[in-house]
Amino acid sequence: MQSCDRNLIIVAFLCLFAATARAFECRDGSQGEEDCALNGFCHSTRCVCDPGWTGERCNFLDLLAPNRSEPHGYYNGTMPTWGGDVIFENGLYHLFVTAKGYTQPPLDQSDNYECNTAIVRLEGPGPAGPYKFAQVALPVYHHEAHAIRAPDGTLLIYMIKFDGGDLPPQLSNETCLAPGCHVYNFSHQATAMAWSDSVYGPWREKVVLNPWPGPADRYSWLCQTNCPSVAFAQNGSVVMALRAVQCNQPPDRANWTYEKIAIATAPHWTGPYTIVSKEPIFGYEVPADWPPELVTPGQPMRNEDPFIWRTHRGYHMLVHSQLLPHSRSRGAYAFSRDGLDWTLLPEFSWQVNMTWADGDVSFFQRRQAPGLYLDKDGFPLYLLTPVDELYSDGCHWGRGWTLMQPVKRTAMHFVT
């Protein structure tokens, strides 16, 4: 009798578990792909996820615990870095990263992104390294590197470029040694691109959006546009995701728009680039139906550092989500059929704290500016995020370094 009762309890538990596990049901057809976040398709009400993705909606990166004894990005105590992209050429992997530009006294005293930042090229035998310094690709001031090959083979680096006039004095107490942010007018930080036939250069460059002195409306949510990332359509046209913010924030804090994401397009990588977003693509406020256990209710929508890519299903985006909780180390994922109309999901795209293969835990005070190293089909192999285990605000290098966390590679699979 006791054995029978026990079996009944087990069966009831399994039925309850199955009902809970099957609470989410996707739809067949093209709607099912969207139910599965454009990272899989729907089969018999369940998502079948593409390689590198997991979760009942296929919206979680299937990340692995990195092994400290194996390559996992780039750490340099004398040259902090802050993310970038990997390009393969001439038998080597080339990591283009945003880095502290001046690392020798006295100019290294400036720890401010806005005065002391460059884009450097690293070389390594594998996509995760180990990497060594090769050269400065774009000197001070260039920031937020995203490197990609155009369909015609040209190597492109999209970034923030100082535009208009001389840089602030490197050792000025009023600017580059000051503890605060934004040492010069926001319109000096313009969306730009550089291009070359090879990772070795030489590089040509130009500002592609909002050149100095910037828009006349200094309170527009689109006044300052930077942190660009692009994906190419099949016909070679460009979809660009970028960060947008007011140049001047109104005295009334209720009218601050904070960081928003916008979309620009171009018929070819050479341009011209045109901002097509009339409003922030994720809106001004956090949706009221987002789970309060994931997002503190009532916040302004706030995202930056977009990374965009395309697969055969559509367009995808990772952002540094500056929403509470964990605003300094939180990621979010969005998807779009056409690159213009987007759906942002509330879940975390990566762990706030990361467990290594040996069980040790890194408690990241910052984990931001995402990128992915993708295979030829657009499926993720590594997640690149700059990280820092010591507190620092969003304007200073601190002890930042670039982590490459491996993504689990499996064939298309049901998530159980």
Protein backbone atom coordinates (compact mmCIF):
# COMPACT_ATOMS: atom_id res chain seq x y z
CA MET A 1 0.00 0.00 0.00
CA GLN A 2 2.82 2.39 0.84
CA SER A 3 4.54 1.51 -2.47
CA CYS A 4 1.31 2.20 -4.37
CA ASP A 5 0.85 5.55 -2.64
CA ARG A 6 4.43 6.47 -3.43
CA ASN A 7 3.96 5.61 -7.12
CA LEU A 8 0.81 7.72 -7.27
CA ILE A 9 2.69 10.65 -5.75
CA ILE A 10 5.50 10.26 -8.30
CA VAL A 11 3.06 10.10 -11.21
CA ALA A 12 1.20 13.17 -9.93
CA PHE A 13 4.50 15.06 -9.56
CA LEU A 14 5.59 14.13 -13.09
CA CYS A 15 2.23 15.23 -14.50
CA LEU A 16 2.50 18.54 -12.65
CA PHE A 17 6.09 19.00 -13.87
CA ALA A 18 5.08 18.24 -17.46
CA ALA A 19 2.19 20.68 -17.28
CA THR A 20 4.48 23.36 -15.89
CA ALA A 21 7.21 22.66 -18.43
CA ARG A 22 4.70 22.83 -21.28
CA ALA A 23 3.03 26.04 -20.07
CA PHE A 24 4.51 27.95 -23.02
CA GLU A 25 3.25 26.79 -26.40
CA CYS A 26 4.47 28.21 -29.68
CA ARG A 27 2.53 28.41 -32.93
CA ASP A 28 3.39 26.66 -36.18
CA GLY A 29 4.58 28.53 -39.24
CA SER A 30 6.20 31.94 -39.39
CA GLN A 31 4.46 33.02 -36.17
CA GLY A 32 6.18 30.12 -34.44
CA GLU A 33 9.59 31.43 -35.48
CA GLU A 34 8.75 34.70 -33.76
CA ASP A 35 7.45 32.81 -30.72
CA CYS A 36 10.90 31.21 -30.67
CA ALA A 37 12.61 34.65 -30.86
CA LEU A 38 13.84 33.98 -34.44
CA ASN A 39 16.33 31.54 -32.93
CA GLY A 40 14.41 28.39 -33.87
CA PHE A 41 11.10 27.09 -35.15
CA CYS A 42 7.96 25.63 -33.63
CA HIS A 43 7.16 21.91 -33.79
CA SER A 44 4.10 20.48 -32.02
CA THR A 45 3.85 23.62 -29.80
CA ARG A 46 7.50 23.39 -28.71
CA CYS A 47 10.46 25.47 -29.87
CA VAL A 48 13.33 23.71 -31.62
CA CYS A 49 16.34 25.95 -30.98
CA ASP A 50 19.14 26.85 -33.37
CA PRO A 51 22.72 26.03 -32.32
CA GLY A 52 23.90 28.24 -29.47
CA TRP A 53 20.44 29.02 -28.08
CA THR A 54 18.29 27.49 -25.36
CA GLY A 55 15.19 28.19 -23.26
CA GLU A 56 11.55 27.50 -23.98
CA ARG A 57 11.57 30.50 -26.35
CA CYS A 58 15.17 29.97 -27.57
CA ASN A 59 16.09 33.42 -26.26
CA PHE A 60 18.96 32.45 -23.93
CA LEU A 61 22.55 32.10 -25.07
CA ASP A 62 23.64 28.56 -24.18
CA LEU A 63 26.82 29.68 -22.42
CA LEU A 64 29.51 27.36 -21.07
CA ALA A 65 31.68 27.88 -18.01
CA PRO A 66 35.09 28.96 -19.34
CA ASN A 67 38.24 27.16 -18.27
CA ARG A 68 40.93 29.45 -16.85
CA SER A 69 43.65 27.25 -18.35
CA GLU A 70 42.24 27.77 -21.87
CA PRO A 71 42.10 31.01 -23.88
CA HIS A 72 39.13 33.14 -22.84
CA GLY A 73 39.73 36.65 -24.16
CA TYR A 74 42.27 39.31 -23.29
CA TYR A 75 43.47 40.69 -19.97
CA ASN A 76 46.24 43.28 -19.73
CA GLY A 77 46.73 45.04 -16.41
CA THR A 78 48.58 47.96 -18.01
CA MET A 79 46.18 48.37 -20.97
CA PRO A 80 42.53 47.92 -19.97
CA THR A 81 40.20 46.98 -22.83
CA TRP A 82 36.48 47.26 -23.36
CA GLY A 83 35.19 44.80 -25.95
CA GLY A 84 35.35 44.48 -29.72
CA ASP A 85 35.17 41.94 -32.57
CA VAL A 86 37.23 39.10 -34.03
CA ILE A 87 38.25 38.98 -37.71
CA PHE A 88 40.08 36.05 -39.37
CA GLU A 89 42.77 36.87 -41.91
CA ASN A 90 46.09 35.46 -43.09
CA GLY A 91 45.88 32.38 -40.84
CA LEU A 92 45.40 34.42 -37.64
CA TYR A 93 42.53 35.75 -35.56
CA HIS A 94 42.57 39.51 -35.10
CA LEU A 95 40.71 41.01 -32.15
CA PHE A 96 39.93 44.70 -32.64
CA VAL A 97 39.27 46.09 -29.16
CA THR A 98 38.61 49.44 -27.56
CA ALA A 99 41.61 50.06 -25.30
CA LYS A 100 43.19 52.65 -23.04
CA GLY A 101 45.15 54.69 -25.58
CA TYR A 102 48.04 56.12 -23.54
CA THR A 103 49.56 53.56 -21.18
CA GLN A 104 52.89 55.21 -20.36
CA PRO A 105 53.51 58.12 -17.93
CA PRO A 106 52.47 60.85 -17.76
CA LEU A 107 49.52 60.58 -20.16
CA ASP A 108 48.32 57.31 -18.64
CA GLN A 109 47.13 59.34 -15.64
CA SER A 110 43.94 60.00 -17.59
CA ASP A 111 41.60 57.08 -16.88
CA ASN A 112 38.72 58.76 -18.69
CA TYR A 113 37.19 57.03 -21.74
CA GLU A 114 36.48 60.40 -23.29
CA CYS A 115 40.11 61.48 -23.33
CA ASN A 116 42.20 58.34 -23.48
CA THR A 117 40.72 55.68 -25.75
CA ALA A 118 41.94 54.04 -28.95
CA ILE A 119 41.21 50.97 -31.05
CA VAL A 120 44.00 48.39 -31.12
CA ARG A 121 44.54 45.17 -33.02
CA LEU A 122 45.51 41.97 -31.20
CA GLU A 123 46.66 38.70 -32.82
CA GLY A 124 46.08 35.12 -31.75
CA PRO A 125 46.02 31.51 -33.03
CA GLY A 126 42.36 30.92 -32.11
CA PRO A 127 39.15 32.94 -31.86
CA ALA A 128 39.43 33.12 -28.05
CA GLY A 129 43.19 33.73 -28.10
CA PRO A 130 45.64 33.74 -26.52
CA TYR A 131 46.06 37.25 -27.89
CA LYS A 132 49.04 39.55 -27.99
CA PHE A 133 49.27 43.22 -28.88
CA ALA A 134 49.96 43.86 -32.58
CA GLN A 135 49.36 47.55 -33.32
CA VAL A 136 47.26 50.63 -32.70
CA ALA A 137 44.75 50.60 -35.54
CA LEU A 138 43.02 53.92 -34.74
CA PRO A 139 44.67 56.24 -32.18
CA VAL A 140 43.13 58.48 -29.51
CA TYR A 141 40.21 59.37 -29.80
CA HIS A 142 38.32 56.31 -31.16
CA HIS A 143 35.97 54.26 -29.01
CA GLU A 144 33.44 51.36 -28.99
CA ALA A 145 34.92 49.28 -31.83
CA HIS A 146 32.75 46.95 -33.93
CA ALA A 147 34.62 45.30 -36.81
CA ILE A 148 32.96 43.43 -39.68
CA ARG A 149 33.70 42.43 -43.26
CA ALA A 150 31.48 43.94 -45.93
CA PRO A 151 30.05 41.62 -48.62
CA ASP A 152 32.75 42.87 -51.02
CA GLY A 153 35.52 41.87 -48.57
CA THR A 154 36.35 45.36 -47.31
CA LEU A 155 37.14 45.42 -43.60
CA LEU A 156 35.05 47.96 -41.69
CA ILE A 157 35.35 49.32 -38.16
CA TYR A 158 32.35 51.24 -36.83
CA MET A 159 33.04 53.36 -33.76
CA ILE A 160 32.71 56.68 -31.93
CA LYS A 161 35.11 59.29 -33.29
CA PHE A 162 36.05 62.69 -31.88
CA ASP A 163 34.68 65.22 -34.35
CA GLY A 164 35.36 68.93 -34.45
CA GLY A 165 38.31 70.84 -33.04
CA ASP A 166 41.17 69.75 -30.82
CA LEU A 167 40.95 67.08 -28.17
CA PRO A 168 40.82 68.30 -24.56
CA PRO A 169 44.24 68.69 -22.87
CA GLN A 170 45.20 65.20 -21.77
CA LEU A 171 46.26 66.22 -18.25
CA SER A 172 43.77 68.98 -17.59
CA ASN A 173 42.13 68.89 -14.17
CA GLU A 174 39.00 70.46 -15.65
CA THR A 175 38.61 67.76 -18.28
CA CYS A 176 40.61 64.58 -18.60
CA LEU A 177 41.60 64.14 -14.95
CA ALA A 178 38.18 65.14 -13.62
CA PRO A 179 36.20 62.45 -11.77
CA GLY A 180 32.99 63.04 -13.72
CA CYS A 181 31.88 62.23 -17.26
CA HIS A 182 31.31 64.16 -20.46
CA VAL A 183 34.29 66.47 -20.52
CA TYR A 184 33.24 68.10 -23.78
CA ASN A 185 30.10 68.74 -25.79
CA PHE A 186 28.28 65.52 -26.69
CA SER A 187 28.33 66.37 -30.40
CA HIS A 188 32.09 65.76 -30.48
CA GLN A 189 31.33 62.04 -30.05
CA ALA A 190 30.08 61.20 -33.52
CA THR A 191 29.16 57.96 -35.27
CA ALA A 192 31.98 57.09 -37.65
CA MET A 193 33.51 54.28 -39.69
CA ALA A 194 36.96 53.30 -40.94
CA TRP A 195 37.75 50.98 -43.81
CA SER A 196 40.69 49.07 -45.25
CA ASP A 197 41.46 46.20 -47.57
CA SER A 198 43.23 44.36 -44.74
CA VAL A 199 43.40 44.07 -40.96
CA TYR A 200 46.87 45.58 -41.23
CA GLY A 201 45.57 48.87 -42.68
CA PRO A 202 46.07 51.56 -43.79
CA TRP A 203 42.75 52.99 -42.65
CA ARG A 204 40.57 55.70 -44.07
CA GLU A 205 37.74 57.06 -41.97
CA LYS A 206 34.78 59.42 -41.91
CA VAL A 207 31.88 60.55 -39.74
CA VAL A 208 28.62 59.08 -41.06
CA LEU A 209 25.94 60.58 -38.78
CA ASN A 210 25.39 63.91 -37.00
CA PRO A 211 28.75 65.58 -37.67
CA TRP A 212 29.85 68.46 -35.45
CA PRO A 213 28.18 70.66 -34.27
CA GLY A 214 25.30 68.16 -34.22
CA PRO A 215 21.52 68.68 -34.42
CA ALA A 216 19.96 72.03 -33.59
CA ASP A 217 17.50 70.44 -31.14
CA ARG A 218 19.78 69.76 -28.17
CA TYR A 219 16.95 68.13 -26.18
CA SER A 220 15.97 65.60 -28.83
CA TRP A 221 16.34 61.95 -27.83
CA LEU A 222 18.29 61.61 -31.12
CA CYS A 223 20.71 64.51 -30.61
CA GLN A 224 23.80 62.40 -29.92
CA THR A 225 24.10 59.14 -31.85
CA ASN A 226 27.01 56.75 -31.39
CA CYS A 227 28.05 53.15 -30.46
CA PRO A 228 27.18 51.83 -33.94
CA SER A 229 26.94 48.19 -35.04
CA VAL A 230 25.79 46.95 -38.45
CA ALA A 231 24.39 43.92 -40.26
CA PHE A 232 24.16 43.43 -44.01
CA ALA A 233 21.05 42.43 -45.94
CA GLN A 234 21.39 39.96 -48.81
CA ASN A 235 21.51 42.83 -51.33
CA GLY A 236 24.43 44.49 -49.51
CA SER A 237 22.40 47.26 -47.89
CA VAL A 238 23.13 48.12 -44.26
CA VAL A 239 21.04 48.10 -41.10
CA MET A 240 22.78 50.00 -38.30
CA ALA A 241 21.79 49.92 -34.62
CA LEU A 242 23.08 52.78 -32.47
CA ARG A 243 22.76 54.49 -29.12
CA ALA A 244 20.91 57.79 -28.96
CA VAL A 245 20.67 60.34 -26.15
CA GLN A 246 19.94 63.99 -25.49
CA CYS A 247 22.88 66.38 -25.92
CA ASN A 248 21.47 68.57 -23.15
CA GLN A 249 19.28 67.07 -20.44
CA PRO A 250 16.39 69.34 -19.38
CA PRO A 251 16.40 70.83 -15.85
CA ASP A 252 13.29 68.80 -15.07
CA ARG A 253 14.52 65.21 -14.64
CA ALA A 254 11.08 63.93 -15.65
CA ASN A 255 11.91 65.05 -19.20
CA TRP A 256 15.17 63.13 -19.43
CA THR A 257 14.94 60.44 -22.12
CA TYR A 258 18.08 58.51 -21.10
CA GLU A 259 19.83 56.14 -23.54
CA LYS A 260 17.66 54.77 -26.33
CA ILE A 261 18.31 52.56 -29.37
CA ALA A 262 17.72 53.81 -32.91
CA ILE A 263 18.09 52.33 -36.40
CA ALA A 264 19.81 53.84 -39.41
CA THR A 265 20.09 52.38 -42.91
CA ALA A 266 22.33 52.77 -45.95
CA PRO A 267 22.12 51.34 -49.49
CA HIS A 268 25.80 50.34 -49.30
CA TRP A 269 28.50 50.39 -46.64
CA THR A 270 29.91 53.54 -48.20
CA GLY A 271 26.64 55.34 -47.32
CA PRO A 272 24.80 57.58 -47.13
CA TYR A 273 23.48 56.63 -43.68
CA THR A 274 20.03 57.83 -42.70
CA ILE A 275 18.34 57.53 -39.29
CA VAL A 276 14.94 55.94 -39.92
CA SER A 277 13.67 55.69 -36.33
CA LYS A 278 11.04 58.30 -35.57
CA GLU A 279 10.78 57.03 -31.99
CA PRO A 280 13.03 54.77 -29.85
CA ILE A 281 12.63 51.24 -31.17
CA PHE A 282 12.00 49.85 -27.66
CA GLY A 283 9.83 52.76 -26.52
CA TYR A 284 10.27 55.27 -23.71
CA GLU A 285 9.05 53.18 -20.76
CA VAL A 286 9.41 49.61 -19.57
CA PRO A 287 6.28 47.64 -20.59
CA ALA A 288 3.82 47.27 -17.73
CA ASP A 289 3.46 43.51 -18.32
CA TRP A 290 7.17 42.73 -17.85
CA PRO A 291 7.69 40.44 -14.82
CA PRO A 292 8.57 42.48 -11.70
CA GLU A 293 11.00 39.75 -10.61
CA LEU A 294 13.04 40.57 -13.74
CA VAL A 295 12.59 44.33 -14.11
CA THR A 296 11.86 46.93 -11.48
CA PRO A 297 8.48 48.39 -12.59
CA GLY A 298 8.02 51.98 -13.71
CA GLN A 299 11.50 52.65 -15.09
CA PRO A 300 12.33 54.62 -18.22
CA MET A 301 13.53 52.29 -20.96
CA ARG A 302 17.32 52.52 -21.04
CA ASN A 303 19.70 50.54 -23.29
CA GLU A 304 23.07 51.11 -24.98
CA ASP A 305 25.94 49.38 -26.81
CA PRO A 306 23.88 47.45 -29.39
CA PHE A 307 25.36 44.52 -31.30
CA ILE A 308 23.36 43.52 -34.37
CA TRP A 309 23.58 40.52 -36.72
CA ARG A 310 21.48 38.68 -39.29
CA THR A 311 20.61 35.03 -39.90
CA HIS A 312 18.28 33.39 -42.42
CA ARG A 313 15.40 34.01 -39.98
CA GLY A 314 15.92 37.76 -39.56
CA TYR A 315 17.83 40.29 -37.47
CA HIS A 316 19.03 39.94 -33.89
CA MET A 317 20.41 42.34 -31.29
CA LEU A 318 22.17 42.21 -27.94
CA VAL A 319 22.34 45.34 -25.79
CA HIS A 320 23.70 46.42 -22.44
CA SER A 321 20.42 46.88 -20.60
CA GLN A 322 20.71 49.69 -18.05
CA LEU A 323 17.53 48.64 -16.28
CA LEU A 324 17.29 47.79 -12.61
CA PRO A 325 18.16 45.41 -11.13
CA HIS A 326 21.83 44.94 -12.10
CA SER A 327 21.95 47.92 -14.47
CA ARG A 328 25.76 47.84 -14.75
CA SER A 329 26.05 44.19 -15.73
CA ARG A 330 22.82 43.24 -17.47
CA GLY A 331 22.25 42.17 -21.07
CA ALA A 332 19.07 41.89 -23.15
CA TYR A 333 18.10 40.31 -26.47
CA ALA A 334 15.83 41.60 -29.25
CA PHE A 335 14.75 40.33 -32.66
CA SER A 336 13.24 41.68 -35.88
CA ARG A 337 12.12 40.29 -39.23
CA ASP A 338 13.13 43.33 -41.24
CA GLY A 339 15.63 45.14 -39.00
CA LEU A 340 13.21 48.03 -38.47
CA ASP A 341 10.46 46.79 -36.13
CA TRP A 342 11.91 45.14 -33.02
CA THR A 343 10.78 43.07 -30.04
CA LEU A 344 12.87 43.37 -26.86
CA LEU A 345 12.59 40.60 -24.26
CA PRO A 346 12.85 41.19 -20.49
CA GLU A 347 15.06 38.23 -19.61
CA PHE A 348 18.78 38.49 -18.81
CA SER A 349 21.02 37.52 -21.75
CA TRP A 350 24.00 36.55 -19.63
CA GLN A 351 24.81 35.82 -16.01
CA VAL A 352 25.48 38.85 -13.83
CA ASN A 353 28.09 36.75 -12.01
CA MET A 354 29.96 34.05 -13.89
CA THR A 355 30.96 30.61 -12.66
CA TRP A 356 34.21 29.20 -14.05
CA ALA A 357 34.78 25.56 -14.92
CA ASP A 358 36.60 25.05 -11.60
CA GLY A 359 33.59 26.34 -9.66
CA ASP A 360 35.08 29.72 -8.78
CA VAL A 361 32.76 32.70 -9.26
CA SER A 362 33.60 36.13 -10.69
CA PHE A 363 31.37 38.87 -9.28
CA PHE A 364 31.32 41.39 -12.10
CA GLN A 365 30.62 44.99 -11.13
CA ARG A 366 30.34 45.76 -14.85
CA ARG A 367 29.55 43.46 -17.78
CA GLN A 368 28.52 45.46 -20.83
CA ALA A 369 29.10 46.30 -24.55
CA PRO A 370 28.27 42.83 -25.94
CA GLY A 371 29.53 41.26 -29.13
CA LEU A 372 29.41 37.77 -30.63
CA TYR A 373 31.88 35.73 -32.63
CA LEU A 374 29.60 33.98 -35.14
CA ASP A 375 29.93 31.05 -37.50
CA LYS A 376 29.18 31.40 -41.22
CA ASP A 377 25.45 30.89 -40.60
CA GLY A 378 25.24 33.59 -37.95
CA PHE A 379 25.09 31.23 -34.97
CA PRO A 380 27.13 32.23 -31.89
CA LEU A 381 30.44 30.62 -30.94
CA TYR A 382 31.63 33.09 -28.27
CA LEU A 383 30.06 35.94 -26.32
CA LEU A 384 32.41 38.93 -25.96
CA THR A 385 31.73 41.23 -23.03
CA PRO A 386 34.06 43.70 -21.36
CA VAL A 387 34.02 43.06 -17.61
CA ASP A 388 35.38 44.54 -14.41
CA GLU A 389 35.30 42.96 -10.96
CA LEU A 390 36.00 46.30 -9.24
CA TYR A 391 33.49 49.12 -9.10
CA SER A 392 33.91 51.90 -11.64
CA ASP A 393 31.44 54.23 -13.29
CA GLY A 394 30.67 54.14 -16.97
CA CYS A 395 33.31 56.70 -17.94
CA HIS A 396 36.54 55.18 -16.65
CA TRP A 397 38.73 52.22 -17.52
CA GLY A 398 39.18 50.82 -14.04
CA ARG A 399 40.51 47.27 -14.51
CA GLY A 400 38.36 46.42 -17.50
CA TRP A 401 39.21 43.43 -19.67
CA THR A 402 37.55 41.59 -22.55
CA LEU A 403 36.02 38.19 -21.71
CA MET A 404 35.20 35.64 -24.41
CA GLN A 405 32.81 33.07 -23.00
CA PRO A 406 32.22 29.94 -25.13
CA VAL A 407 28.76 29.04 -26.36
CA LYS A 408 27.59 25.43 -26.29
CA ARG A 409 27.39 23.97 -29.78
CA THR A 410 24.67 21.41 -30.39
CA ALA A 411 22.51 20.54 -33.36
CA MET A 412 19.02 21.99 -33.48
CA HIS A 413 17.29 20.68 -30.38
CA PHE A 414 14.12 20.65 -28.33
CA VAL A 415 14.53 22.27 -24.93
CA THR A 416 13.30 19.97 -22.17
